[in-house]
C-alpha atoms as a PDB file:
ATOM      1  CA  MET A   1       8.250 -44.525 184.258  1.00  0.00           C
ATOM      2  CA  ARG A   2       4.928 -43.564 182.726  1.00  0.00           C
ATOM      3  CA  ARG A   3       4.784 -42.306 179.149  1.00  0.00           C
ATOM      4  CA  ASN A   4       2.071 -39.883 178.263  1.00  0.00           C
ATOM      5  CA  SER A   5       0.331 -39.701 174.949  1.00  0.00           C
ATOM      6  CA  PHE A   6      -1.665 -37.031 173.184  1.00  0.00           C
ATOM      7  CA  ASP A   7      -4.792 -37.021 171.079  1.00  0.00           C
ATOM      8  CA  ILE A   8      -3.825 -36.122 167.528  1.00  0.00           C
ATOM      9  CA  THR A   9      -6.087 -35.180 164.664  1.00  0.00           C
ATOM     10  CA  TYR A  10      -4.493 -34.701 161.273  1.00  0.00           C
ATOM     11  CA  ARG A  11      -5.475 -34.197 157.672  1.00  0.00           C
ATOM     12  CA  ILE A  12      -3.332 -34.824 154.606  1.00  0.00           C
ATOM     13  CA  ASP A  13      -4.447 -32.682 151.656  1.00  0.00           C
ATOM     14  CA  SER A  14      -8.242 -32.966 151.321  1.00  0.00           C
ATOM     15  CA  ALA A  15      -8.502 -36.508 152.729  1.00  0.00           C
ATOM     16  CA  PRO A  16     -10.802 -37.021 155.720  1.00  0.00           C
ATOM     17  CA  ALA A  17      -9.272 -36.141 159.082  1.00  0.00           C
ATOM     18  CA  GLN A  18      -7.691 -39.007 161.035  1.00  0.00           C
ATOM     19  CA  SER A  19      -7.631 -39.342 164.824  1.00  0.00           C
ATOM     20  CA  THR A  20      -4.886 -41.173 166.687  1.00  0.00           C
ATOM     21  CA  ARG A  21      -2.614 -40.919 169.714  1.00  0.00           C
ATOM     22  CA  TRP A  22       1.066 -40.014 169.641  1.00  0.00           C
ATOM     23  CA  ASN A  23       3.568 -40.519 172.427  1.00  0.00           C
ATOM     24  CA  GLU A  24       5.092 -37.689 174.369  1.00  0.00           C
ATOM     25  CA  LEU A  25       8.778 -37.185 173.611  1.00  0.00           C
ATOM     26  CA  THR A  26      11.189 -37.953 176.433  1.00  0.00           C
ATOM     27  CA  THR A  27      12.111 -34.255 176.493  1.00  0.00           C
ATOM     28  CA  ASN A  28       8.466 -33.445 177.306  1.00  0.00           C
ATOM     29  CA  LYS A  29       8.621 -30.876 174.504  1.00  0.00           C
ATOM     30  CA  GLY A  30       6.492 -32.542 171.844  1.00  0.00           C
ATOM     31  CA  ALA A  31       4.903 -35.730 170.610  1.00  0.00           C
ATOM     32  CA  GLY A  32       5.799 -38.294 167.995  1.00  0.00           C
ATOM     33  CA  LEU A  33       4.696 -41.368 166.147  1.00  0.00           C
ATOM     34  CA  PHE A  34       7.099 -44.291 166.419  1.00  0.00           C
ATOM     35  CA  GLY A  35       7.546 -47.786 164.989  1.00  0.00           C
ATOM     36  CA  SER A  36       6.095 -49.200 161.782  1.00  0.00           C
ATOM     37  CA  GLY A  37       3.160 -46.789 162.019  1.00  0.00           C
ATOM     38  CA  SER A  38       5.566 -43.941 161.409  1.00  0.00           C
ATOM     39  CA  GLU A  39       6.746 -45.564 158.157  1.00  0.00           C
ATOM     40  CA  ALA A  40       3.176 -45.801 156.844  1.00  0.00           C
ATOM     41  CA  PHE A  41       2.502 -42.223 157.942  1.00  0.00           C
ATOM     42  CA  LEU A  42       5.564 -40.898 156.105  1.00  0.00           C
ATOM     43  CA  ARG A  43       4.561 -42.869 152.992  1.00  0.00           C
ATOM     44  CA  ASP A  44       1.186 -41.107 153.162  1.00  0.00           C
ATOM     45  CA  LEU A  45       2.945 -37.737 153.316  1.00  0.00           C
ATOM     46  CA  TYR A  46       5.268 -38.526 150.396  1.00  0.00           C
ATOM     47  CA  ASP A  47       3.084 -37.153 147.580  1.00  0.00           C
ATOM     48  CA  ALA A  48       1.050 -34.752 149.699  1.00  0.00           C
ATOM     49  CA  ASP A  49       0.927 -30.991 149.311  1.00  0.00           C
ATOM     50  CA  ASP A  50      -0.560 -29.906 152.654  1.00  0.00           C
ATOM     51  CA  PHE A  51      -0.636 -31.249 156.194  1.00  0.00           C
ATOM     52  CA  PHE A  52      -2.756 -30.051 159.121  1.00  0.00           C
ATOM     53  CA  ILE A  53      -2.263 -31.352 162.661  1.00  0.00           C
ATOM     54  CA  ARG A  54      -4.050 -30.684 165.944  1.00  0.00           C
ATOM     55  CA  LEU A  55      -2.510 -31.882 169.219  1.00  0.00           C
ATOM     56  CA  THR A  56      -4.759 -31.845 172.267  1.00  0.00           C
ATOM     57  CA  ASP A  57      -2.690 -31.795 175.441  1.00  0.00           C
ATOM     58  CA  GLY A  58      -3.505 -33.213 178.876  1.00  0.00           C
ATOM     59  CA  ASP A  59      -5.187 -29.951 179.890  1.00  0.00           C
ATOM     60  CA  GLY A  60      -7.492 -30.091 176.884  1.00  0.00           C
ATOM     61  CA  GLN A  61      -5.711 -27.252 175.085  1.00  0.00           C
ATOM     62  CA  ARG A  62      -5.561 -27.569 171.321  1.00  0.00           C
ATOM     63  CA  HIS A  63      -2.438 -26.743 169.383  1.00  0.00           C
ATOM     64  CA  ASP A  64      -2.891 -26.466 165.612  1.00  0.00           C
ATOM     65  CA  ALA A  65      -0.280 -26.291 162.873  1.00  0.00           C
ATOM     66  CA  GLU A  66      -0.461 -26.370 159.097  1.00  0.00           C
ATOM     67  CA  PHE A  67       2.436 -27.243 156.778  1.00  0.00           C
ATOM     68  CA  ASP A  68       3.170 -26.805 153.090  1.00  0.00           C
ATOM     69  CA  LEU A  69       4.866 -30.071 152.130  1.00  0.00           C
ATOM     70  CA  ALA A  70       6.642 -28.854 148.994  1.00  0.00           C
ATOM     71  CA  GLY A  71       9.902 -30.791 148.779  1.00  0.00           C
ATOM     72  CA  VAL A  72       8.954 -33.315 151.459  1.00  0.00           C
ATOM     73  CA  GLN A  73       9.967 -36.227 149.194  1.00  0.00           C
ATOM     74  CA  THR A  74      13.651 -35.435 149.656  1.00  0.00           C
ATOM     75  CA  ALA A  75      13.314 -35.375 153.433  1.00  0.00           C
ATOM     76  CA  VAL A  76      11.227 -38.559 153.583  1.00  0.00           C
ATOM     77  CA  GLU A  77      13.689 -40.395 151.301  1.00  0.00           C
ATOM     78  CA  ALA A  78      16.560 -39.289 153.567  1.00  0.00           C
ATOM     79  CA  VAL A  79      14.772 -40.525 156.702  1.00  0.00           C
ATOM     80  CA  ALA A  80      13.842 -43.824 155.047  1.00  0.00           C
ATOM     81  CA  GLY A  81      17.403 -44.383 153.822  1.00  0.00           C
ATOM     82  CA  ALA A  82      18.907 -43.591 157.222  1.00  0.00           C
ATOM     83  CA  CYS A  83      16.460 -45.981 158.893  1.00  0.00           C
ATOM     84  CA  GLY A  84      16.707 -48.725 156.246  1.00  0.00           C
ATOM     85  CA  TRP A  85      13.119 -48.843 154.976  1.00  0.00           C
ATOM     86  CA  SER A  86      11.497 -47.935 151.681  1.00  0.00           C
ATOM     87  CA  THR A  87       9.121 -45.096 150.935  1.00  0.00           C
ATOM     88  CA  ILE A  88       7.307 -47.519 148.646  1.00  0.00           C
ATOM     89  CA  ASP A  89       4.718 -49.777 150.242  1.00  0.00           C
ATOM     90  CA  MET A  90       5.741 -53.208 148.934  1.00  0.00           C
ATOM     91  CA  SER A  91       4.329 -56.687 149.281  1.00  0.00           C
ATOM     92  CA  ARG A  92       6.222 -59.866 149.996  1.00  0.00           C
ATOM     93  CA  ASP A  93       5.965 -60.667 146.254  1.00  0.00           C
ATOM     94  CA  ASP A  94       7.573 -57.306 145.453  1.00  0.00           C
ATOM     95  CA  TYR A  95      10.477 -58.076 147.788  1.00  0.00           C
ATOM     96  CA  ARG A  96      10.794 -61.575 146.280  1.00  0.00           C
ATOM     97  CA  ALA A  97      11.036 -60.060 142.775  1.00  0.00           C
ATOM     98  CA  ILE A  98      13.727 -57.613 143.931  1.00  0.00           C
ATOM     99  CA  GLN A  99      15.693 -60.452 145.538  1.00  0.00           C
ATOM    100  CA  THR A 100      15.453 -62.396 142.268  1.00  0.00           C
ATOM    101  CA  LEU A 101      16.766 -59.385 140.298  1.00  0.00           C
ATOM    102  CA  LEU A 102      19.645 -58.902 142.726  1.00  0.00           C
ATOM    103  CA  ASN A 103      20.590 -62.579 142.485  1.00  0.00           C
ATOM    104  CA  ALA A 104      20.386 -62.472 138.672  1.00  0.00           C
ATOM    105  CA  GLY A 105      22.742 -59.484 138.714  1.00  0.00           C
ATOM    106  CA  GLY A 106      25.320 -61.354 140.788  1.00  0.00           C
ATOM    107  CA  PHE A 107      24.396 -59.829 144.153  1.00  0.00           C
ATOM    108  CA  ASP A 108      23.672 -62.693 146.551  1.00  0.00           C
ATOM    109  CA  ALA A 109      20.374 -61.912 148.291  1.00  0.00           C
ATOM    110  CA  GLY A 110      19.900 -65.569 149.220  1.00  0.00           C
ATOM    111  CA  THR A 111      16.813 -67.577 148.387  1.00  0.00           C
ATOM    112  CA  PRO A 112      14.079 -65.221 147.148  1.00  0.00           C
ATOM    113  CA  ASP A 113      11.533 -65.526 149.951  1.00  0.00           C
ATOM    114  CA  GLY A 114      10.077 -62.017 150.150  1.00  0.00           C
ATOM    115  CA  VAL A 115      11.599 -61.380 153.583  1.00  0.00           C
ATOM    116  CA  TRP A 116      13.951 -58.397 153.588  1.00  0.00           C
ATOM    117  CA  GLY A 117      16.623 -59.690 155.938  1.00  0.00           C
ATOM    118  CA  SER A 118      20.351 -59.145 156.377  1.00  0.00           C
ATOM    119  CA  GLY A 119      21.268 -61.019 153.169  1.00  0.00           C
ATOM    120  CA  SER A 120      18.895 -58.884 151.120  1.00  0.00           C
ATOM    121  CA  ARG A 121      20.155 -55.674 152.732  1.00  0.00           C
ATOM    122  CA  SER A 122      23.763 -56.694 152.109  1.00  0.00           C
ATOM    123  CA  ALA A 123      23.071 -57.551 148.447  1.00  0.00           C
ATOM    124  CA  MET A 124      21.202 -54.274 147.999  1.00  0.00           C
ATOM    125  CA  ARG A 125      24.057 -52.291 149.565  1.00  0.00           C
ATOM    126  CA  ALA A 126      26.538 -53.942 147.184  1.00  0.00           C
ATOM    127  CA  PHE A 127      24.281 -53.164 144.203  1.00  0.00           C
ATOM    128  CA  GLN A 128      23.880 -49.572 145.361  1.00  0.00           C
ATOM    129  CA  GLU A 129      27.636 -49.128 145.796  1.00  0.00           C
ATOM    130  CA  ASP A 130      28.288 -50.571 142.309  1.00  0.00           C
ATOM    131  CA  ASN A 131      25.776 -48.089 140.878  1.00  0.00           C
ATOM    132  CA  ASP A 132      26.969 -44.984 142.776  1.00  0.00           C
ATOM    133  CA  LEU A 133      23.814 -44.863 144.904  1.00  0.00           C
ATOM    134  CA  PRO A 134      23.682 -44.238 148.654  1.00  0.00           C
ATOM    135  CA  PRO A 135      24.316 -47.687 150.214  1.00  0.00           C
ATOM    136  CA  THR A 136      21.277 -47.865 152.499  1.00  0.00           C
ATOM    137  CA  GLY A 137      20.385 -51.512 151.897  1.00  0.00           C
ATOM    138  CA  ALA A 138      16.780 -50.440 151.331  1.00  0.00           C
ATOM    139  CA  PRO A 139      14.935 -50.678 148.007  1.00  0.00           C
ATOM    140  CA  ASP A 140      14.476 -46.947 147.480  1.00  0.00           C
ATOM    141  CA  ARG A 141      13.094 -45.377 144.318  1.00  0.00           C
ATOM    142  CA  ALA A 142      16.456 -44.589 142.726  1.00  0.00           C
ATOM    143  CA  THR A 143      17.734 -48.113 143.375  1.00  0.00           C
ATOM    144  CA  LEU A 144      14.619 -49.732 141.936  1.00  0.00           C
ATOM    145  CA  GLU A 145      14.948 -47.595 138.817  1.00  0.00           C
ATOM    146  CA  ALA A 146      18.602 -48.708 138.495  1.00  0.00           C
ATOM    147  CA  LEU A 147      17.369 -52.316 138.776  1.00  0.00           C
ATOM    148  CA  GLY A 148      14.941 -51.629 135.923  1.00  0.00           C
ATOM    149  CA  VAL A 149      11.842 -51.616 138.122  1.00  0.00           C
ATOM    150  CA  GLN A 150       9.275 -48.820 137.828  1.00  0.00           C
ATOM    151  CA  PRO A 151       8.631 -47.923 141.479  1.00  0.00           C
ATOM    152  CA  GLY A 152       5.055 -47.344 142.641  1.00  0.00           C
ATOM    153  CA  ASN A 153       3.906 -45.664 145.841  1.00  0.00           C
END
């Protein structure tokens, strides 16, 4: 089975336009960005106000759309929580510090190594449940604030 892809040009706010390729959906009714690239893309949208996208199909036709992103943070946080990743771009040192805080609070994240594995997710879920937060297992903004960490972007 061959998967098609489309040329995509997009612009977030007044940043320079970016060109990439997105995969055709299995329904043949659109295109999408998948994998870790989609996480980075959604992080880029998090604080944005406007989004422009141009899809060029296999026949060379251009399809343009422009979006007002007011309120997008809520949607991006929901997607990130459901998928178990954070809207904050964090380093291995950041994850190590969070693991250390969880351990210090009595939530066993294992040895702080900066790798967000099953032990870290389990400890985070327990912390979130104890603090009446959605138990996603991901270090989201609300959870980091409850841990006493000022989240960045």
